[in-house]
Amino acid sequence: MIASALSALTSRAGLVAIALVVGFLYGHHVANNGAKMRDLQGENAALRIDLSAANAAAAQAEAEAKGLRELQSRLEGELDAYTRELAARPDIGACRLTGDDVRRLRGLR
């Protein structure tokens, strides 16, 4: 029985059948790998778009942060100058602020 099975597998028809099965399995393997590759390429493209958007957002955020730091520095300078000016005023025993001071403080923006 083993001899007849071995004889059938080594015959021309058996070899053709084995080649067909191996070819089918190999084709299935190649098709699977192709589908996986296309999926990964699509995911890679989406990630590149996301990275580009994230880099643009980071650059915009950095520019806004720089502008805010400059504004903060300017306002701190104006406030420090105003504080020094108030300290230099003579002590009159009452509030040192005038209407001009209130308008000046409101103008700090």
PDB file of N, CA and C in Angstrom:
ATOM      1  N   MET A   1       0.815  -1.171   0.000  1.00  0.00           N
ATOM      2  CA  MET A   1       0.000   0.000   0.000  1.00  0.00           C
ATOM      3  C   MET A   1       0.882   1.267   0.000  1.00  0.00           C
ATOM      4  N   ILE A   2       1.926   1.274   0.805  1.00  0.00           N
ATOM      5  CA  ILE A   2       2.831   2.409   0.830  1.00  0.00           C
ATOM      6  C   ILE A   2       3.550   2.516  -0.510  1.00  0.00           C
ATOM      7  N   ALA A   3       3.878   1.374  -1.047  1.00  0.00           N
ATOM      8  CA  ALA A   3       4.568   1.370  -2.333  1.00  0.00           C
ATOM      9  C   ALA A   3       3.677   1.929  -3.419  1.00  0.00           C
ATOM     10  N   SER A   4       2.373   1.607  -3.380  1.00  0.00           N
ATOM     11  CA  SER A   4       1.466   2.118  -4.412  1.00  0.00           C
ATOM     12  C   SER A   4       1.245   3.622  -4.235  1.00  0.00           C
ATOM     13  N   ALA A   5       1.193   4.110  -2.989  1.00  0.00           N
ATOM     14  CA  ALA A   5       1.023   5.544  -2.749  1.00  0.00           C
ATOM     15  C   ALA A   5       2.282   6.288  -3.211  1.00  0.00           C
ATOM     16  N   LEU A   6       3.454   5.739  -2.918  1.00  0.00           N
ATOM     17  CA  LEU A   6       4.704   6.346  -3.343  1.00  0.00           C
ATOM     18  C   LEU A   6       4.815   6.334  -4.858  1.00  0.00           C
ATOM     19  N   SER A   7       4.353   5.249  -5.466  1.00  0.00           N
ATOM     20  CA  SER A   7       4.381   5.137  -6.917  1.00  0.00           C
ATOM     21  C   SER A   7       3.456   6.171  -7.547  1.00  0.00           C
ATOM     22  N   ALA A   8       2.270   6.419  -6.911  1.00  0.00           N
ATOM     23  CA  ALA A   8       1.317   7.392  -7.445  1.00  0.00           C
ATOM     24  C   ALA A   8       1.886   8.806  -7.331  1.00  0.00           C
ATOM     25  N   LEU A   9       2.594   9.087  -6.211  1.00  0.00           N
ATOM     26  CA  LEU A   9       3.149  10.425  -6.017  1.00  0.00           C
ATOM     27  C   LEU A   9       4.317  10.705  -6.952  1.00  0.00           C
ATOM     28  N   THR A  10       5.055   9.667  -7.320  1.00  0.00           N
ATOM     29  CA  THR A  10       6.215   9.873  -8.179  1.00  0.00           C
ATOM     30  C   THR A  10       5.873   9.720  -9.653  1.00  0.00           C
ATOM     31  N   SER A  11       4.659   9.335  -9.967  1.00  0.00           N
ATOM     32  CA  SER A  11       4.262   9.242 -11.375  1.00  0.00           C
ATOM     33  C   SER A  11       4.098  10.657 -11.931  1.00  0.00           C
ATOM     34  N   ARG A  12       3.976  10.744 -13.233  1.00  0.00           N
ATOM     35  CA  ARG A  12       3.829  12.052 -13.870  1.00  0.00           C
ATOM     36  C   ARG A  12       2.579  12.765 -13.375  1.00  0.00           C
ATOM     37  N   ALA A  13       1.491  12.087 -13.252  1.00  0.00           N
ATOM     38  CA  ALA A  13       0.237  12.696 -12.788  1.00  0.00           C
ATOM     39  C   ALA A  13       0.390  13.145 -11.343  1.00  0.00           C
ATOM     40  N   GLY A  14       1.082  12.338 -10.532  1.00  0.00           N
ATOM     41  CA  GLY A  14       1.303  12.707  -9.132  1.00  0.00           C
ATOM     42  C   GLY A  14       2.192  13.940  -9.009  1.00  0.00           C
ATOM     43  N   LEU A  15       3.230  13.978  -9.841  1.00  0.00           N
ATOM     44  CA  LEU A  15       4.112  15.144  -9.815  1.00  0.00           C
ATOM     45  C   LEU A  15       3.385  16.398 -10.279  1.00  0.00           C
ATOM     46  N   VAL A  16       2.527  16.267 -11.263  1.00  0.00           N
ATOM     47  CA  VAL A  16       1.737  17.403 -11.745  1.00  0.00           C
ATOM     48  C   VAL A  16       0.791  17.872 -10.641  1.00  0.00           C
ATOM     49  N   ALA A  17       0.151  16.930  -9.946  1.00  0.00           N
ATOM     50  CA  ALA A  17      -0.763  17.281  -8.859  1.00  0.00           C
ATOM     51  C   ALA A  17      -0.017  17.995  -7.732  1.00  0.00           C
ATOM     52  N   ILE A  18       1.159  17.494  -7.388  1.00  0.00           N
ATOM     53  CA  ILE A  18       1.965  18.132  -6.347  1.00  0.00           C
ATOM     54  C   ILE A  18       2.361  19.541  -6.796  1.00  0.00           C
ATOM     55  N   ALA A  19       2.772  19.699  -8.061  1.00  0.00           N
ATOM     56  CA  ALA A  19       3.156  21.007  -8.584  1.00  0.00           C
ATOM     57  C   ALA A  19       1.974  21.969  -8.556  1.00  0.00           C
ATOM     58  N   LEU A  20       0.778  21.481  -8.879  1.00  0.00           N
ATOM     59  CA  LEU A  20      -0.408  22.335  -8.847  1.00  0.00           C
ATOM     60  C   LEU A  20      -0.718  22.803  -7.414  1.00  0.00           C
ATOM     61  N   VAL A  21      -0.644  21.899  -6.452  1.00  0.00           N
ATOM     62  CA  VAL A  21      -0.923  22.247  -5.055  1.00  0.00           C
ATOM     63  C   VAL A  21       0.126  23.243  -4.546  1.00  0.00           C
ATOM     64  N   VAL A  22       1.402  22.962  -4.828  1.00  0.00           N
ATOM     65  CA  VAL A  22       2.467  23.868  -4.393  1.00  0.00           C
ATOM     66  C   VAL A  22       2.303  25.234  -5.071  1.00  0.00           C
ATOM     67  N   GLY A  23       1.989  25.229  -6.362  1.00  0.00           N
ATOM     68  CA  GLY A  23       1.778  26.487  -7.083  1.00  0.00           C
ATOM     69  C   GLY A  23       0.611  27.278  -6.516  1.00  0.00           C
ATOM     70  N   PHE A  24      -0.489  26.582  -6.202  1.00  0.00           N
ATOM     71  CA  PHE A  24      -1.648  27.243  -5.603  1.00  0.00           C
ATOM     72  C   PHE A  24      -1.291  27.858  -4.254  1.00  0.00           C
ATOM     73  N   LEU A  25      -0.611  27.090  -3.412  1.00  0.00           N
ATOM     74  CA  LEU A  25      -0.235  27.597  -2.086  1.00  0.00           C
ATOM     75  C   LEU A  25       0.738  28.774  -2.192  1.00  0.00           C
ATOM     76  N   TYR A  26       1.683  28.677  -3.130  1.00  0.00           N
ATOM     77  CA  TYR A  26       2.626  29.780  -3.317  1.00  0.00           C
ATOM     78  C   TYR A  26       1.898  31.026  -3.824  1.00  0.00           C
ATOM     79  N   GLY A  27       0.997  30.866  -4.761  1.00  0.00           N
ATOM     80  CA  GLY A  27       0.211  31.998  -5.281  1.00  0.00           C
ATOM     81  C   GLY A  27      -0.618  32.645  -4.182  1.00  0.00           C
ATOM     82  N   HIS A  28      -1.202  31.827  -3.337  1.00  0.00           N
ATOM     83  CA  HIS A  28      -1.980  32.341  -2.215  1.00  0.00           C
ATOM     84  C   HIS A  28      -1.077  33.137  -1.269  1.00  0.00           C
ATOM     85  N   HIS A  29       0.108  32.623  -1.011  1.00  0.00           N
ATOM     86  CA  HIS A  29       1.081  33.297  -0.152  1.00  0.00           C
ATOM     87  C   HIS A  29       1.491  34.644  -0.757  1.00  0.00           C
ATOM     88  N   VAL A  30       1.774  34.666  -2.045  1.00  0.00           N
ATOM     89  CA  VAL A  30       2.174  35.902  -2.735  1.00  0.00           C
ATOM     90  C   VAL A  30       1.035  36.914  -2.703  1.00  0.00           C
ATOM     91  N   ALA A  31      -0.194  36.462  -2.941  1.00  0.00           N
ATOM     92  CA  ALA A  31      -1.347  37.368  -2.919  1.00  0.00           C
ATOM     93  C   ALA A  31      -1.537  37.959  -1.521  1.00  0.00           C
ATOM     94  N   ASN A  32      -1.389  37.138  -0.495  1.00  0.00           N
ATOM     95  CA  ASN A  32      -1.501  37.630   0.884  1.00  0.00           C
ATOM     96  C   ASN A  32      -0.449  38.691   1.170  1.00  0.00           C
ATOM     97  N   ASN A  33       0.789  38.417   0.769  1.00  0.00           N
ATOM     98  CA  ASN A  33       1.862  39.384   0.994  1.00  0.00           C
ATOM     99  C   ASN A  33       1.607  40.677   0.228  1.00  0.00           C
ATOM    100  N   GLY A  34       1.064  40.570  -0.979  1.00  0.00           N
ATOM    101  CA  GLY A  34       0.745  41.768  -1.763  1.00  0.00           C
ATOM    102  C   GLY A  34      -0.330  42.604  -1.083  1.00  0.00           C
ATOM    103  N   ALA A  35      -1.345  41.949  -0.548  1.00  0.00           N
ATOM    104  CA  ALA A  35      -2.410  42.675   0.149  1.00  0.00           C
ATOM    105  C   ALA A  35      -1.867  43.346   1.405  1.00  0.00           C
ATOM    106  N   LYS A  36      -1.023  42.637   2.134  1.00  0.00           N
ATOM    107  CA  LYS A  36      -0.419  43.234   3.334  1.00  0.00           C
ATOM    108  C   LYS A  36       0.447  44.437   2.954  1.00  0.00           C
ATOM    109  N   MET A  37       1.189  44.309   1.864  1.00  0.00           N
ATOM    110  CA  MET A  37       2.051  45.395   1.427  1.00  0.00           C
ATOM    111  C   MET A  37       1.222  46.615   1.035  1.00  0.00           C
ATOM    112  N   ARG A  38       0.121  46.416   0.312  1.00  0.00           N
ATOM    113  CA  ARG A  38      -0.736  47.541  -0.065  1.00  0.00           C
ATOM    114  C   ARG A  38      -1.343  48.207   1.164  1.00  0.00           C
ATOM    115  N   ASP A  39      -1.755  47.401   2.149  1.00  0.00           N
ATOM    116  CA  ASP A  39      -2.292  47.963   3.388  1.00  0.00           C
ATOM    117  C   ASP A  39      -1.244  48.807   4.108  1.00  0.00           C
ATOM    118  N   LEU A  40      -0.020  48.284   4.178  1.00  0.00           N
ATOM    119  CA  LEU A  40       1.051  49.022   4.846  1.00  0.00           C
ATOM    120  C   LEU A  40       1.426  50.291   4.088  1.00  0.00           C
ATOM    121  N   GLN A  41       1.385  50.242   2.769  1.00  0.00           N
ATOM    122  CA  GLN A  41       1.679  51.436   1.983  1.00  0.00           C
ATOM    123  C   GLN A  41       0.615  52.508   2.221  1.00  0.00           C
ATOM    124  N   GLY A  42      -0.636  52.095   2.303  1.00  0.00           N
ATOM    125  CA  GLY A  42      -1.712  53.039   2.588  1.00  0.00           C
ATOM    126  C   GLY A  42      -1.573  53.642   3.976  1.00  0.00           C
ATOM    127  N   GLU A  43      -1.246  52.802   4.941  1.00  0.00           N
ATOM    128  CA  GLU A  43      -1.046  53.285   6.308  1.00  0.00           C
ATOM    129  C   GLU A  43       0.147  54.235   6.371  1.00  0.00           C
ATOM    130  N   ASN A  44       1.212  53.907   5.650  1.00  0.00           N
ATOM    131  CA  ASN A  44       2.398  54.754   5.602  1.00  0.00           C
ATOM    132  C   ASN A  44       2.053  56.115   5.005  1.00  0.00           C
ATOM    133  N   ALA A  45       1.280  56.133   3.940  1.00  0.00           N
ATOM    134  CA  ALA A  45       0.888  57.401   3.313  1.00  0.00           C
ATOM    135  C   ALA A  45       0.051  58.244   4.281  1.00  0.00           C
ATOM    136  N   ALA A  46      -0.869  57.597   4.989  1.00  0.00           N
ATOM    137  CA  ALA A  46      -1.699  58.324   5.955  1.00  0.00           C
ATOM    138  C   ALA A  46      -0.845  58.884   7.088  1.00  0.00           C
ATOM    139  N   LEU A  47       0.124  58.114   7.550  1.00  0.00           N
ATOM    140  CA  LEU A  47       1.001  58.582   8.620  1.00  0.00           C
ATOM    141  C   LEU A  47       1.882  59.739   8.157  1.00  0.00           C
ATOM    142  N   ARG A  48       2.305  59.716   6.905  1.00  0.00           N
ATOM    143  CA  ARG A  48       3.105  60.829   6.377  1.00  0.00           C
ATOM    144  C   ARG A  48       2.271  62.113   6.333  1.00  0.00           C
ATOM    145  N   ILE A  49       1.010  61.994   5.943  1.00  0.00           N
ATOM    146  CA  ILE A  49       0.114  63.157   5.923  1.00  0.00           C
ATOM    147  C   ILE A  49      -0.085  63.669   7.340  1.00  0.00           C
ATOM    148  N   ASP A  50      -0.313  62.761   8.295  1.00  0.00           N
ATOM    149  CA  ASP A  50      -0.482  63.158   9.692  1.00  0.00           C
ATOM    150  C   ASP A  50       0.775  63.850  10.222  1.00  0.00           C
ATOM    151  N   LEU A  51       1.932  63.319   9.876  1.00  0.00           N
ATOM    152  CA  LEU A  51       3.192  63.914  10.329  1.00  0.00           C
ATOM    153  C   LEU A  51       3.369  65.310   9.755  1.00  0.00           C
ATOM    154  N   SER A  52       3.030  65.472   8.497  1.00  0.00           N
ATOM    155  CA  SER A  52       3.138  66.784   7.862  1.00  0.00           C
ATOM    156  C   SER A  52       2.212  67.787   8.547  1.00  0.00           C
ATOM    157  N   ALA A  53       0.982  67.366   8.839  1.00  0.00           N
ATOM    158  CA  ALA A  53       0.034  68.256   9.531  1.00  0.00           C
ATOM    159  C   ALA A  53       0.525  68.579  10.936  1.00  0.00           C
ATOM    160  N   ALA A  54       1.078  67.596  11.627  1.00  0.00           N
ATOM    161  CA  ALA A  54       1.583  67.825  12.981  1.00  0.00           C
ATOM    162  C   ALA A  54       2.773  68.776  12.963  1.00  0.00           C
ATOM    163  N   ASN A  55       3.654  68.645  11.982  1.00  0.00           N
ATOM    164  CA  ASN A  55       4.801  69.551  11.870  1.00  0.00           C
ATOM    165  C   ASN A  55       4.345  70.979  11.578  1.00  0.00           C
ATOM    166  N   ALA A  56       3.340  71.119  10.719  1.00  0.00           N
ATOM    167  CA  ALA A  56       2.813  72.454  10.418  1.00  0.00           C
ATOM    168  C   ALA A  56       2.176  73.064  11.658  1.00  0.00           C
ATOM    169  N   ALA A  57       1.429  72.266  12.410  1.00  0.00           N
ATOM    170  CA  ALA A  57       0.802  72.764  13.639  1.00  0.00           C
ATOM    171  C   ALA A  57       1.855  73.140  14.671  1.00  0.00           C
ATOM    172  N   ALA A  58       2.915  72.361  14.762  1.00  0.00           N
ATOM    173  CA  ALA A  58       3.990  72.669  15.713  1.00  0.00           C
ATOM    174  C   ALA A  58       4.696  73.973  15.331  1.00  0.00           C
ATOM    175  N   ALA A  59       4.920  74.177  14.047  1.00  0.00           N
ATOM    176  CA  ALA A  59       5.561  75.415  13.594  1.00  0.00           C
ATOM    177  C   ALA A  59       4.666  76.619  13.891  1.00  0.00           C
ATOM    178  N   GLN A  60       3.374  76.467  13.654  1.00  0.00           N
ATOM    179  CA  GLN A  60       2.441  77.558  13.939  1.00  0.00           C
ATOM    180  C   GLN A  60       2.385  77.837  15.437  1.00  0.00           C
ATOM    181  N   ALA A  61       2.357  76.795  16.250  1.00  0.00           N
ATOM    182  CA  ALA A  61       2.320  76.971  17.701  1.00  0.00           C
ATOM    183  C   ALA A  61       3.589  77.650  18.196  1.00  0.00           C
ATOM    184  N   GLU A  62       4.721  77.301  17.621  1.00  0.00           N
ATOM    185  CA  GLU A  62       5.988  77.932  18.017  1.00  0.00           C
ATOM    186  C   GLU A  62       5.988  79.409  17.641  1.00  0.00           C
ATOM    187  N   ALA A  63       5.461  79.737  16.463  1.00  0.00           N
ATOM    188  CA  ALA A  63       5.396  81.138  16.046  1.00  0.00           C
ATOM    189  C   ALA A  63       4.479  81.932  16.981  1.00  0.00           C
ATOM    190  N   GLU A  64       3.344  81.342  17.347  1.00  0.00           N
ATOM    191  CA  GLU A  64       2.435  82.021  18.271  1.00  0.00           C
ATOM    192  C   GLU A  64       3.069  82.176  19.648  1.00  0.00           C
ATOM    193  N   ALA A  65       3.769  81.150  20.102  1.00  0.00           N
ATOM    194  CA  ALA A  65       4.436  81.225  21.402  1.00  0.00           C
ATOM    195  C   ALA A  65       5.510  82.315  21.393  1.00  0.00           C
ATOM    196  N   LYS A  66       6.237  82.431  20.288  1.00  0.00           N
ATOM    197  CA  LYS A  66       7.261  83.473  20.174  1.00  0.00           C
ATOM    198  C   LYS A  66       6.619  84.853  20.250  1.00  0.00           C
ATOM    199  N   GLY A  67       5.515  85.025  19.538  1.00  0.00           N
ATOM    200  CA  GLY A  67       4.803  86.296  19.578  1.00  0.00           C
ATOM    201  C   GLY A  67       4.295  86.623  20.974  1.00  0.00           C
ATOM    202  N   LEU A  68       3.803  85.610  21.669  1.00  0.00           N
ATOM    203  CA  LEU A  68       3.319  85.829  23.037  1.00  0.00           C
ATOM    204  C   LEU A  68       4.459  86.162  23.993  1.00  0.00           C
ATOM    205  N   ARG A  69       5.614  85.501  23.798  1.00  0.00           N
ATOM    206  CA  ARG A  69       6.773  85.829  24.639  1.00  0.00           C
ATOM    207  C   ARG A  69       7.218  87.272  24.417  1.00  0.00           C
ATOM    208  N   GLU A  70       7.212  87.714  23.159  1.00  0.00           N
ATOM    209  CA  GLU A  70       7.585  89.099  22.850  1.00  0.00           C
ATOM    210  C   GLU A  70       6.592  90.081  23.466  1.00  0.00           C
ATOM    211  N   LEU A  71       5.300  89.757  23.364  1.00  0.00           N
ATOM    212  CA  LEU A  71       4.270  90.610  23.961  1.00  0.00           C
ATOM    213  C   LEU A  71       4.441  90.669  25.476  1.00  0.00           C
ATOM    214  N   GLN A  72       4.685  89.535  26.093  1.00  0.00           N
ATOM    215  CA  GLN A  72       4.880  89.491  27.540  1.00  0.00           C
ATOM    216  C   GLN A  72       6.078  90.347  27.941  1.00  0.00           C
ATOM    217  N   SER A  73       7.161  90.227  27.197  1.00  0.00           N
ATOM    218  CA  SER A  73       8.362  90.992  27.502  1.00  0.00           C
ATOM    219  C   SER A  73       8.090  92.492  27.377  1.00  0.00           C
ATOM    220  N   ARG A  74       7.396  92.882  26.316  1.00  0.00           N
ATOM    221  CA  ARG A  74       7.084  94.296  26.118  1.00  0.00           C
ATOM    222  C   ARG A  74       6.186  94.820  27.235  1.00  0.00           C
ATOM    223  N   LEU A  75       5.146  94.067  27.580  1.00  0.00           N
ATOM    224  CA  LEU A  75       4.235  94.503  28.637  1.00  0.00           C
ATOM    225  C   LEU A  75       4.925  94.557  29.993  1.00  0.00           C
ATOM    226  N   GLU A  76       5.796  93.589  30.257  1.00  0.00           N
ATOM    227  CA  GLU A  76       6.537  93.621  31.517  1.00  0.00           C
ATOM    228  C   GLU A  76       7.441  94.850  31.578  1.00  0.00           C
ATOM    229  N   GLY A  77       8.062  95.204  30.461  1.00  0.00           N
ATOM    230  CA  GLY A  77       8.897  96.400  30.411  1.00  0.00           C
ATOM    231  C   GLY A  77       8.080  97.658  30.682  1.00  0.00           C
ATOM    232  N   GLU A  78       6.909  97.765  30.046  1.00  0.00           N
ATOM    233  CA  GLU A  78       6.047  98.926  30.268  1.00  0.00           C
ATOM    234  C   GLU A  78       5.571  98.986  31.720  1.00  0.00           C
ATOM    235  N   LEU A  79       5.219  97.848  32.264  1.00  0.00           N
ATOM    236  CA  LEU A  79       4.742  97.804  33.646  1.00  0.00           C
ATOM    237  C   LEU A  79       5.869  98.147  34.630  1.00  0.00           C
ATOM    238  N   ASP A  80       7.063  97.655  34.351  1.00  0.00           N
ATOM    239  CA  ASP A  80       8.216  97.988  35.216  1.00  0.00           C
ATOM    240  C   ASP A  80       8.505  99.491  35.174  1.00  0.00           C
ATOM    241  N   ALA A  81       8.439 100.076  33.978  1.00  0.00           N
ATOM    242  CA  ALA A  81       8.675 101.523  33.847  1.00  0.00           C
ATOM    243  C   ALA A  81       7.614 102.292  34.620  1.00  0.00           C
ATOM    244  N   TYR A  82       6.373 101.855  34.522  1.00  0.00           N
ATOM    245  CA  TYR A  82       5.287 102.517  35.232  1.00  0.00           C
ATOM    246  C   TYR A  82       5.455 102.362  36.748  1.00  0.00           C
ATOM    247  N   THR A  83       5.880 101.197  37.190  1.00  0.00           N
ATOM    248  CA  THR A  83       6.111 100.963  38.625  1.00  0.00           C
ATOM    249  C   THR A  83       7.222 101.883  39.141  1.00  0.00           C
ATOM    250  N   ARG A  84       8.295 102.024  38.357  1.00  0.00           N
ATOM    251  CA  ARG A  84       9.382 102.929  38.762  1.00  0.00           C
ATOM    252  C   ARG A  84       8.894 104.377  38.816  1.00  0.00           C
ATOM    253  N   GLU A  85       8.076 104.760  37.863  1.00  0.00           N
ATOM    254  CA  GLU A  85       7.538 106.120  37.840  1.00  0.00           C
ATOM    255  C   GLU A  85       6.659 106.376  39.062  1.00  0.00           C
ATOM    256  N   LEU A  86       5.825 105.406  39.413  1.00  0.00           N
ATOM    257  CA  LEU A  86       4.969 105.554  40.596  1.00  0.00           C
ATOM    258  C   LEU A  86       5.814 105.655  41.871  1.00  0.00           C
ATOM    259  N   ALA A  87       6.863 104.865  41.953  1.00  0.00           N
ATOM    260  CA  ALA A  87       7.722 104.881  43.140  1.00  0.00           C
ATOM    261  C   ALA A  87       8.455 106.210  43.273  1.00  0.00           C
ATOM    262  N   ALA A  88       8.721 106.874  42.145  1.00  0.00           N
ATOM    263  CA  ALA A  88       9.448 108.146  42.172  1.00  0.00           C
ATOM    264  C   ALA A  88       8.544 109.324  42.553  1.00  0.00           C
ATOM    265  N   ARG A  89       7.244 109.136  42.536  1.00  0.00           N
ATOM    266  CA  ARG A  89       6.328 110.231  42.893  1.00  0.00           C
ATOM    267  C   ARG A  89       6.427 110.518  44.389  1.00  0.00           C
ATOM    268  N   PRO A  90       6.235 111.761  44.758  1.00  0.00           N
ATOM    269  CA  PRO A  90       6.319 112.093  46.179  1.00  0.00           C
ATOM    270  C   PRO A  90       5.148 111.504  46.956  1.00  0.00           C
ATOM    271  N   ASP A  91       5.414 111.150  48.197  1.00  0.00           N
ATOM    272  CA  ASP A  91       4.377 110.589  49.066  1.00  0.00           C
ATOM    273  C   ASP A  91       3.514 111.732  49.582  1.00  0.00           C
ATOM    274  N   ILE A  92       2.269 111.782  49.144  1.00  0.00           N
ATOM    275  CA  ILE A  92       1.376 112.874  49.530  1.00  0.00           C
ATOM    276  C   ILE A  92       0.377 112.434  50.583  1.00  0.00           C
ATOM    277  N   GLY A  93       0.495 111.203  51.072  1.00  0.00           N
ATOM    278  CA  GLY A  93      -0.403 110.706  52.103  1.00  0.00           C
ATOM    279  C   GLY A  93      -1.752 110.285  51.562  1.00  0.00           C
ATOM    280  N   ALA A  94      -1.893 110.240  50.266  1.00  0.00           N
ATOM    281  CA  ALA A  94      -3.161 109.806  49.653  1.00  0.00           C
ATOM    282  C   ALA A  94      -2.816 108.938  48.444  1.00  0.00           C
ATOM    283  N   CYS A  95      -3.833 108.524  47.737  1.00  0.00           N
ATOM    284  CA  CYS A  95      -3.630 107.684  46.542  1.00  0.00           C
ATOM    285  C   CYS A  95      -2.819 108.454  45.510  1.00  0.00           C
ATOM    286  N   ARG A  96      -1.849 107.817  44.971  1.00  0.00           N
ATOM    287  CA  ARG A  96      -0.963 108.465  44.001  1.00  0.00           C
ATOM    288  C   ARG A  96      -1.498 108.362  42.569  1.00  0.00           C
ATOM    289  N   LEU A  97      -2.547 107.566  42.355  1.00  0.00           N
ATOM    290  CA  LEU A  97      -3.053 107.357  40.995  1.00  0.00           C
ATOM    291  C   LEU A  97      -3.950 108.513  40.580  1.00  0.00           C
ATOM    292  N   THR A  98      -3.795 108.899  39.324  1.00  0.00           N
ATOM    293  CA  THR A  98      -4.637 109.949  38.743  1.00  0.00           C
ATOM    294  C   THR A  98      -5.459 109.346  37.614  1.00  0.00           C
ATOM    295  N   GLY A  99      -6.305 110.147  37.034  1.00  0.00           N
ATOM    296  CA  GLY A  99      -7.094 109.678  35.887  1.00  0.00           C
ATOM    297  C   GLY A  99      -6.207 109.263  34.732  1.00  0.00           C
ATOM    298  N   ASP A 100      -5.101 109.982  34.560  1.00  0.00           N
ATOM    299  CA  ASP A 100      -4.145 109.617  33.496  1.00  0.00           C
ATOM    300  C   ASP A 100      -3.544 108.232  33.753  1.00  0.00           C
ATOM    301  N   ASP A 101      -3.307 107.937  35.037  1.00  0.00           N
ATOM    302  CA  ASP A 101      -2.762 106.617  35.369  1.00  0.00           C
ATOM    303  C   ASP A 101      -3.753 105.511  35.012  1.00  0.00           C
ATOM    304  N   VAL A 102      -5.002 105.726  35.301  1.00  0.00           N
ATOM    305  CA  VAL A 102      -6.029 104.720  34.989  1.00  0.00           C
ATOM    306  C   VAL A 102      -6.094 104.510  33.485  1.00  0.00           C
ATOM    307  N   ARG A 103      -6.098 105.613  32.717  1.00  0.00           N
ATOM    308  CA  ARG A 103      -6.141 105.472  31.249  1.00  0.00           C
ATOM    309  C   ARG A 103      -4.878 104.753  30.737  1.00  0.00           C
ATOM    310  N   ARG A 104      -3.745 105.059  31.333  1.00  0.00           N
ATOM    311  CA  ARG A 104      -2.493 104.408  30.935  1.00  0.00           C
ATOM    312  C   ARG A 104      -2.540 102.912  31.219  1.00  0.00           C
ATOM    313  N   LEU A 105      -3.068 102.527  32.383  1.00  0.00           N
ATOM    314  CA  LEU A 105      -3.163 101.096  32.712  1.00  0.00           C
ATOM    315  C   LEU A 105      -4.127 100.371  31.766  1.00  0.00           C
ATOM    316  N   ARG A 106      -5.205 101.044  31.434  1.00  0.00           N
ATOM    317  CA  ARG A 106      -6.160 100.419  30.490  1.00  0.00           C
ATOM    318  C   ARG A 106      -5.554 100.279  29.104  1.00  0.00           C
ATOM    319  N   GLY A 107      -4.615 101.167  28.783  1.00  0.00           N
ATOM    320  CA  GLY A 107      -3.984 101.123  27.461  1.00  0.00           C
ATOM    321  C   GLY A 107      -2.938 100.048  27.300  1.00  0.00           C
ATOM    322  N   LEU A 108      -2.542  99.404  28.400  1.00  0.00           N
ATOM    323  CA  LEU A 108      -1.554  98.309  28.293  1.00  0.00           C
ATOM    324  C   LEU A 108      -2.215  97.104  27.670  1.00  0.00           C
ATOM    325  N   ARG A 109      -1.867  96.808  26.460  1.00  0.00           N
ATOM    326  CA  ARG A 109      -2.430  95.633  25.774  1.00  0.00           C
ATOM    327  C   ARG A 109      -1.392  95.047  24.853  1.00  0.00           C
TER     328      ARG A 109
END
